Amino acid sequence: MKYERKISKEDARELFVEYQKNRDRDIRDQLIENYLYIPQILSRKYGRKNGDNEDIFQVACLGLMYAVNRFDPNGGFEFDTFATPTIIGEIKRHYRDHEWLIGIPRRIQQLNREINQTRSMLEQEQMRSPTISEIADHLNISEECIIESMESNNAYYPKSLSVEYANEDGKSVVLMDLLGSSDTNI
């Protein structure tokens, strides 16, 4: 389905002024319909080839709704210019929250980003890999928080249960064999 602008920019501006005054749902729906071409373009641009294009389009439409609700027609710029970053932000937020295989709290995801940035900065300054305590000192948080956050990276790239490790004897052991044993009480 191809969407395109149905009303002129001047008429849309008048509708925004009217919507800002009385928050009429019919006006909002008309404005959303008029600007559906923006989420269509952006969802095609930022959608991935893994079959989630319809989901991304819906997320982009949600961003359009937020933009319509927050737009100030007296701000001195066009709605397209205002809506695009809002819609892109919603798409990026969707990917950020859904690309982890295991649900990790957002605060841990944000802490992961801060740790990675701090690690890179300290590596450049010190010309070596920083220790956990150095990262913790720089971020003013406990070493336990750093370790918890670093362990959560395993949720992003989980290991296969068939990964082999060498034990003390030099023989290989499969991860699945290390994690548990058969229940003999059955």
Foldseek 3Di string as FASTA:
>chain_A
DAAEADDDQVVLLVLLVVCVVPVDPVSLVNNLSRPLNLLVVVLVVPPDPPPCSVVLSVLLSVLVSVLSVPDDSPPPDGSSVSSNVSSVVSSVVVCLQPLFQDGDDPVLVVVLVLLVVLQVVVCVVVVHGDDLVVSCVVVVHDSVSVVVSVVCVCRNVPDDQQDWDQDPVRDIDGNVVVPDDDDPPD
